[in-house]
């Protein structure tokens, strides 16, 4: 959505939950102030509230390029707590990677070496895999994976709030995978590395 007169437009999305006017205004002002602080002008800013089960959930998404996003997701006992937690994560990543953010947006417009691949979504129910060599597909989409260095990939995964990232390694040309491990570290899968050189 357009930002008129230099004011960041923030969209509030509600998924099966009631969001009061005061919380909407609070979220809009906080996101606008944060963008002003870090000098970014996202082409789209969305704050999504939902309550799928027992917890309140908030996701903040800032689109800063054609396909570049900065995202943060959090849960809380109440919507205000969920927003504050997600906002804290977003601000932390903006502070940590502020030197990369503008380049992150610009690079999405002109990045070479991209890979287009089909992503398929499968159910997590164990019953879906019984007596089936191939699991059922519930959704299918085409995604582009970019060429970047490992450090750029780590920054991108953090900025986009993801738990994994597939990318083409700029140094080797091979497809690599980053993923967040249960102990808080980041796993890096590179098929070009051997046991001796790893």
C-alpha atoms as a PDB file:
ATOM      1  CA  UNK A   1       0.000   0.000   0.000  1.00  0.00           C
ATOM      2  CA  UNK A   2       1.168   3.554  -0.659  1.00  0.00           C
ATOM      3  CA  UNK A   3       2.744   5.800   1.959  1.00  0.00           C
ATOM      4  CA  UNK A   4       1.256   9.219   1.398  1.00  0.00           C
ATOM      5  CA  UNK A   5       3.068  12.410   2.381  1.00  0.00           C
ATOM      6  CA  UNK A   6       5.931  10.327   3.783  1.00  0.00           C
ATOM      7  CA  UNK A   7       3.701   8.736   6.443  1.00  0.00           C
ATOM      8  CA  UNK A   8       3.998   4.967   6.696  1.00  0.00           C
ATOM      9  CA  UNK A   9       0.629   3.312   6.169  1.00  0.00           C
ATOM     10  CA  UNK A  10       0.031   0.402   8.550  1.00  0.00           C
ATOM     11  CA  UNK A  11      -2.633  -2.228   7.872  1.00  0.00           C
ATOM     12  CA  UNK A  12      -4.196  -4.017  10.851  1.00  0.00           C
ATOM     13  CA  UNK A  13      -5.425  -7.528  10.018  1.00  0.00           C
ATOM     14  CA  UNK A  14      -7.665  -9.523  12.345  1.00  0.00           C
ATOM     15  CA  UNK A  15      -8.070 -13.302  12.117  1.00  0.00           C
ATOM     16  CA  UNK A  16     -11.017 -14.472  14.225  1.00  0.00           C
ATOM     17  CA  UNK A  17     -10.232 -12.040  17.007  1.00  0.00           C
ATOM     18  CA  UNK A  18     -11.568  -8.645  18.050  1.00  0.00           C
ATOM     19  CA  UNK A  19      -9.010  -5.837  18.071  1.00  0.00           C
ATOM     20  CA  UNK A  20     -10.005  -2.579  19.753  1.00  0.00           C
ATOM     21  CA  UNK A  21      -9.364   0.865  18.329  1.00  0.00           C
ATOM     22  CA  UNK A  22      -6.846   1.680  21.062  1.00  0.00           C
ATOM     23  CA  UNK A  23      -4.692  -1.373  20.276  1.00  0.00           C
ATOM     24  CA  UNK A  24      -4.885  -0.660  16.541  1.00  0.00           C
ATOM     25  CA  UNK A  25      -3.745   2.924  17.090  1.00  0.00           C
ATOM     26  CA  UNK A  26      -1.035   1.778  19.506  1.00  0.00           C
ATOM     27  CA  UNK A  27       0.331  -0.703  16.941  1.00  0.00           C
ATOM     28  CA  UNK A  28       0.156   1.775  14.056  1.00  0.00           C
ATOM     29  CA  UNK A  29       1.993   4.504  15.989  1.00  0.00           C
ATOM     30  CA  UNK A  30       4.660   2.086  17.230  1.00  0.00           C
ATOM     31  CA  UNK A  31       5.415   0.767  13.729  1.00  0.00           C
ATOM     32  CA  UNK A  32       5.495   4.270  12.231  1.00  0.00           C
ATOM     33  CA  UNK A  33       7.852   5.520  14.947  1.00  0.00           C
ATOM     34  CA  UNK A  34      10.121   2.522  14.472  1.00  0.00           C
ATOM     35  CA  UNK A  35      10.328   3.070  10.704  1.00  0.00           C
ATOM     36  CA  UNK A  36      11.114   6.729  11.272  1.00  0.00           C
ATOM     37  CA  UNK A  37      13.822   5.861  13.805  1.00  0.00           C
ATOM     38  CA  UNK A  38      15.617   3.558  11.383  1.00  0.00           C
ATOM     39  CA  UNK A  39      14.899   5.612   8.283  1.00  0.00           C
ATOM     40  CA  UNK A  40      13.041   2.941   6.343  1.00  0.00           C
ATOM     41  CA  UNK A  41       9.964   3.450   4.176  1.00  0.00           C
ATOM     42  CA  UNK A  42       8.332   0.056   3.650  1.00  0.00           C
ATOM     43  CA  UNK A  43       6.059  -0.309   0.645  1.00  0.00           C
ATOM     44  CA  UNK A  44       3.746  -2.375   2.825  1.00  0.00           C
ATOM     45  CA  UNK A  45       3.357  -2.640   6.602  1.00  0.00           C
ATOM     46  CA  UNK A  46       1.011  -5.208   8.102  1.00  0.00           C
ATOM     47  CA  UNK A  47       0.267  -6.118  11.718  1.00  0.00           C
ATOM     48  CA  UNK A  48      -1.744  -9.333  11.996  1.00  0.00           C
ATOM     49  CA  UNK A  49      -3.541 -10.404  15.167  1.00  0.00           C
ATOM     50  CA  UNK A  50      -5.015 -13.862  15.691  1.00  0.00           C
ATOM     51  CA  UNK A  51      -5.929 -16.295  18.425  1.00  0.00           C
ATOM     52  CA  UNK A  52      -5.845 -19.800  16.928  1.00  0.00           C
ATOM     53  CA  UNK A  53      -5.888 -21.656  20.230  1.00  0.00           C
ATOM     54  CA  UNK A  54      -5.219 -20.544  23.795  1.00  0.00           C
ATOM     55  CA  UNK A  55      -2.620 -17.869  23.054  1.00  0.00           C
ATOM     56  CA  UNK A  56      -2.852 -14.500  21.352  1.00  0.00           C
ATOM     57  CA  UNK A  57      -0.583 -14.209  18.309  1.00  0.00           C
ATOM     58  CA  UNK A  58       0.869 -11.199  16.536  1.00  0.00           C
ATOM     59  CA  UNK A  59       2.959 -10.982  13.374  1.00  0.00           C
ATOM     60  CA  UNK A  60       4.500  -7.755  12.084  1.00  0.00           C
ATOM     61  CA  UNK A  61       5.592  -7.694   8.457  1.00  0.00           C
ATOM     62  CA  UNK A  62       7.394  -4.858   6.673  1.00  0.00           C
ATOM     63  CA  UNK A  63       7.889  -5.189   2.922  1.00  0.00           C
ATOM     64  CA  UNK A  64      10.977  -3.182   1.972  1.00  0.00           C
ATOM     65  CA  UNK A  65      11.505  -4.345  -1.595  1.00  0.00           C
ATOM     66  CA  UNK A  66       9.839  -6.278  -4.363  1.00  0.00           C
ATOM     67  CA  UNK A  67      10.255  -9.541  -2.439  1.00  0.00           C
ATOM     68  CA  UNK A  68      12.181  -8.479   0.674  1.00  0.00           C
ATOM     69  CA  UNK A  69      10.508  -8.593   4.052  1.00  0.00           C
ATOM     70  CA  UNK A  70      11.350  -7.911   7.682  1.00  0.00           C
ATOM     71  CA  UNK A  71       9.132  -9.978   9.953  1.00  0.00           C
ATOM     72  CA  UNK A  72       8.624 -10.762  13.620  1.00  0.00           C
ATOM     73  CA  UNK A  73       6.187 -13.182  15.266  1.00  0.00           C
ATOM     74  CA  UNK A  74       5.253 -13.691  18.910  1.00  0.00           C
ATOM     75  CA  UNK A  75       2.630 -15.107  21.245  1.00  0.00           C
ATOM     76  CA  UNK A  76       1.274 -13.742  24.510  1.00  0.00           C
ATOM     77  CA  UNK A  77      -1.479 -14.091  27.069  1.00  0.00           C
ATOM     78  CA  UNK A  78      -3.176 -11.037  25.572  1.00  0.00           C
ATOM     79  CA  UNK A  79      -3.000  -9.209  22.237  1.00  0.00           C
ATOM     80  CA  UNK A  80      -1.092  -6.276  23.749  1.00  0.00           C
ATOM     81  CA  UNK A  81       1.557  -8.634  25.150  1.00  0.00           C
ATOM     82  CA  UNK A  82       1.823 -10.471  21.819  1.00  0.00           C
ATOM     83  CA  UNK A  83       2.302  -7.213  19.929  1.00  0.00           C
ATOM     84  CA  UNK A  84       4.875  -5.871  22.391  1.00  0.00           C
ATOM     85  CA  UNK A  85       6.869  -9.113  22.174  1.00  0.00           C
ATOM     86  CA  UNK A  86       6.789  -9.171  18.356  1.00  0.00           C
ATOM     87  CA  UNK A  87       7.657  -5.469  18.245  1.00  0.00           C
ATOM     88  CA  UNK A  88      10.638  -6.049  20.555  1.00  0.00           C
ATOM     89  CA  UNK A  89      11.942  -8.793  18.231  1.00  0.00           C
ATOM     90  CA  UNK A  90      11.468  -6.546  15.206  1.00  0.00           C
ATOM     91  CA  UNK A  91      13.290  -3.639  16.838  1.00  0.00           C
ATOM     92  CA  UNK A  92      16.121  -5.937  17.949  1.00  0.00           C
ATOM     93  CA  UNK A  93      16.657  -7.220  14.403  1.00  0.00           C
ATOM     94  CA  UNK A  94      16.457  -3.731  12.932  1.00  0.00           C
ATOM     95  CA  UNK A  95      19.126  -2.581  15.372  1.00  0.00           C
ATOM     96  CA  UNK A  96      21.311  -5.630  14.758  1.00  0.00           C
ATOM     97  CA  UNK A  97      21.134  -5.499  10.973  1.00  0.00           C
ATOM     98  CA  UNK A  98      20.483  -1.813  10.319  1.00  0.00           C
ATOM     99  CA  UNK A  99      23.483  -1.541   7.970  1.00  0.00           C
ATOM    100  CA  UNK A 100      22.120  -4.362   5.809  1.00  0.00           C
ATOM    101  CA  UNK A 101      18.469  -3.346   5.656  1.00  0.00           C
ATOM    102  CA  UNK A 102      18.550  -0.908   2.718  1.00  0.00           C
ATOM    103  CA  UNK A 103      20.819  -3.226   0.743  1.00  0.00           C
ATOM    104  CA  UNK A 104      18.476  -6.095   1.633  1.00  0.00           C
ATOM    105  CA  UNK A 105      15.602  -4.256  -0.035  1.00  0.00           C
ATOM    106  CA  UNK A 106      17.544  -3.057  -3.070  1.00  0.00           C
ATOM    107  CA  UNK A 107      19.129  -6.443  -3.660  1.00  0.00           C
ATOM    108  CA  UNK A 108      15.732  -8.085  -4.070  1.00  0.00           C
ATOM    109  CA  UNK A 109      15.130  -5.882  -7.121  1.00  0.00           C
ATOM    110  CA  UNK A 110      18.298  -6.854  -8.987  1.00  0.00           C
ATOM    111  CA  UNK A 111      19.543 -10.125  -7.546  1.00  0.00           C
ATOM    112  CA  UNK A 112      21.020 -12.612 -10.014  1.00  0.00           C
ATOM    113  CA  UNK A 113      21.442 -16.345  -9.669  1.00  0.00           C
ATOM    114  CA  UNK A 114      17.938 -16.950  -8.372  1.00  0.00           C
ATOM    115  CA  UNK A 115      16.470 -20.444  -8.328  1.00  0.00           C
ATOM    116  CA  UNK A 116      12.767 -21.058  -8.902  1.00  0.00           C
ATOM    117  CA  UNK A 117      11.486 -24.146  -7.116  1.00  0.00           C
ATOM    118  CA  UNK A 118       8.132 -25.683  -6.292  1.00  0.00           C
ATOM    119  CA  UNK A 119       7.295 -25.737  -2.588  1.00  0.00           C
ATOM    120  CA  UNK A 120       4.739 -28.313  -1.497  1.00  0.00           C
ATOM    121  CA  UNK A 121       2.893 -28.298   1.816  1.00  0.00           C
ATOM    122  CA  UNK A 122       2.116 -31.632   3.452  1.00  0.00           C
ATOM    123  CA  UNK A 123       0.022 -32.345   6.569  1.00  0.00           C
ATOM    124  CA  UNK A 124       1.759 -33.209   9.835  1.00  0.00           C
ATOM    125  CA  UNK A 125      -0.780 -35.854  10.845  1.00  0.00           C
ATOM    126  CA  UNK A 126       0.770 -39.317  11.103  1.00  0.00           C
ATOM    127  CA  UNK A 127      -2.379 -40.810   9.550  1.00  0.00           C
ATOM    128  CA  UNK A 128      -1.604 -38.995   6.305  1.00  0.00           C
ATOM    129  CA  UNK A 129       1.535 -41.113   5.808  1.00  0.00           C
ATOM    130  CA  UNK A 130       0.064 -44.542   6.468  1.00  0.00           C
ATOM    131  CA  UNK A 131       0.382 -46.886   3.492  1.00  0.00           C
ATOM    132  CA  UNK A 132       1.617 -44.029   1.300  1.00  0.00           C
ATOM    133  CA  UNK A 133       4.975 -43.791  -0.428  1.00  0.00           C
ATOM    134  CA  UNK A 134       4.186 -40.196  -1.311  1.00  0.00           C
ATOM    135  CA  UNK A 135       2.408 -37.999   1.286  1.00  0.00           C
ATOM    136  CA  UNK A 136      -0.702 -36.062   0.256  1.00  0.00           C
ATOM    137  CA  UNK A 137      -0.146 -32.483  -0.912  1.00  0.00           C
ATOM    138  CA  UNK A 138      -2.402 -29.812   0.597  1.00  0.00           C
ATOM    139  CA  UNK A 139      -0.832 -26.789  -1.126  1.00  0.00           C
ATOM    140  CA  UNK A 140       1.720 -26.003  -3.797  1.00  0.00           C
ATOM    141  CA  UNK A 141       3.505 -22.783  -4.748  1.00  0.00           C
ATOM    142  CA  UNK A 142       6.544 -21.530  -6.653  1.00  0.00           C
ATOM    143  CA  UNK A 143       9.232 -19.730  -4.661  1.00  0.00           C
ATOM    144  CA  UNK A 144      12.487 -18.035  -5.669  1.00  0.00           C
ATOM    145  CA  UNK A 145      15.697 -18.681  -3.765  1.00  0.00           C
ATOM    146  CA  UNK A 146      18.399 -16.025  -4.060  1.00  0.00           C
ATOM    147  CA  UNK A 147      22.157 -16.046  -4.457  1.00  0.00           C
ATOM    148  CA  UNK A 148      23.983 -14.640  -1.425  1.00  0.00           C
ATOM    149  CA  UNK A 149      26.849 -15.170   0.969  1.00  0.00           C
ATOM    150  CA  UNK A 150      26.342 -17.191   4.141  1.00  0.00           C
ATOM    151  CA  UNK A 151      26.466 -14.048   6.297  1.00  0.00           C
ATOM    152  CA  UNK A 152      23.859 -12.390   4.060  1.00  0.00           C
ATOM    153  CA  UNK A 153      21.695 -15.500   4.321  1.00  0.00           C
ATOM    154  CA  UNK A 154      21.878 -15.462   8.130  1.00  0.00           C
ATOM    155  CA  UNK A 155      20.872 -11.797   8.184  1.00  0.00           C
ATOM    156  CA  UNK A 156      18.019 -12.467   5.742  1.00  0.00           C
ATOM    157  CA  UNK A 157      16.679 -15.367   7.801  1.00  0.00           C
ATOM    158  CA  UNK A 158      16.758 -13.249  10.967  1.00  0.00           C
ATOM    159  CA  UNK A 159      15.143 -10.230   9.293  1.00  0.00           C
ATOM    160  CA  UNK A 160      12.377 -12.350   7.784  1.00  0.00           C
ATOM    161  CA  UNK A 161      11.743 -14.123  11.080  1.00  0.00           C
ATOM    162  CA  UNK A 162      12.111 -17.550   9.513  1.00  0.00           C
ATOM    163  CA  UNK A 163      13.351 -20.816  10.996  1.00  0.00           C
ATOM    164  CA  UNK A 164      15.021 -21.970   7.776  1.00  0.00           C
ATOM    165  CA  UNK A 165      16.334 -20.511   4.521  1.00  0.00           C
ATOM    166  CA  UNK A 166      17.318 -22.067   1.199  1.00  0.00           C
ATOM    167  CA  UNK A 167      19.786 -20.062  -0.909  1.00  0.00           C
ATOM    168  CA  UNK A 168      22.455 -20.374  -3.603  1.00  0.00           C
ATOM    169  CA  UNK A 169      25.896 -19.920  -2.071  1.00  0.00           C
ATOM    170  CA  UNK A 170      27.603 -17.060  -3.889  1.00  0.00           C
ATOM    171  CA  UNK A 171      31.037 -18.605  -3.312  1.00  0.00           C
ATOM    172  CA  UNK A 172      30.322 -22.127  -4.588  1.00  0.00           C
ATOM    173  CA  UNK A 173      27.128 -21.840  -6.638  1.00  0.00           C
ATOM    174  CA  UNK A 174      25.656 -24.761  -4.687  1.00  0.00           C
ATOM    175  CA  UNK A 175      22.249 -24.787  -3.027  1.00  0.00           C
ATOM    176  CA  UNK A 176      22.683 -24.355   0.743  1.00  0.00           C
ATOM    177  CA  UNK A 177      20.275 -24.528   3.676  1.00  0.00           C
ATOM    178  CA  UNK A 178      20.320 -22.648   6.975  1.00  0.00           C
ATOM    179  CA  UNK A 179      18.093 -23.767   9.836  1.00  0.00           C
ATOM    180  CA  UNK A 180      17.616 -22.834  13.454  1.00  0.00           C
ATOM    181  CA  UNK A 181      18.499 -25.657  15.833  1.00  0.00           C
ATOM    182  CA  UNK A 182      16.790 -26.501  19.082  1.00  0.00           C
ATOM    183  CA  UNK A 183      19.788 -25.320  21.108  1.00  0.00           C
ATOM    184  CA  UNK A 184      19.575 -21.809  19.613  1.00  0.00           C
ATOM    185  CA  UNK A 185      22.446 -22.176  17.154  1.00  0.00           C
ATOM    186  CA  UNK A 186      22.147 -22.093  13.357  1.00  0.00           C
ATOM    187  CA  UNK A 187      22.779 -25.181  11.242  1.00  0.00           C
ATOM    188  CA  UNK A 188      24.401 -24.728   7.828  1.00  0.00           C
ATOM    189  CA  UNK A 189      24.049 -27.443   5.180  1.00  0.00           C
ATOM    190  CA  UNK A 190      26.479 -27.208   2.245  1.00  0.00           C
ATOM    191  CA  UNK A 191      26.782 -30.258  -0.036  1.00  0.00           C
ATOM    192  CA  UNK A 192      30.159 -29.035  -1.362  1.00  0.00           C
ATOM    193  CA  UNK A 193      31.807 -29.461   2.042  1.00  0.00           C
ATOM    194  CA  UNK A 194      33.391 -32.817   2.812  1.00  0.00           C
ATOM    195  CA  UNK A 195      34.005 -34.352   6.215  1.00  0.00           C
ATOM    196  CA  UNK A 196      37.686 -33.419   5.937  1.00  0.00           C
ATOM    197  CA  UNK A 197      37.101 -29.775   4.934  1.00  0.00           C
ATOM    198  CA  UNK A 198      34.069 -29.059   7.122  1.00  0.00           C
END
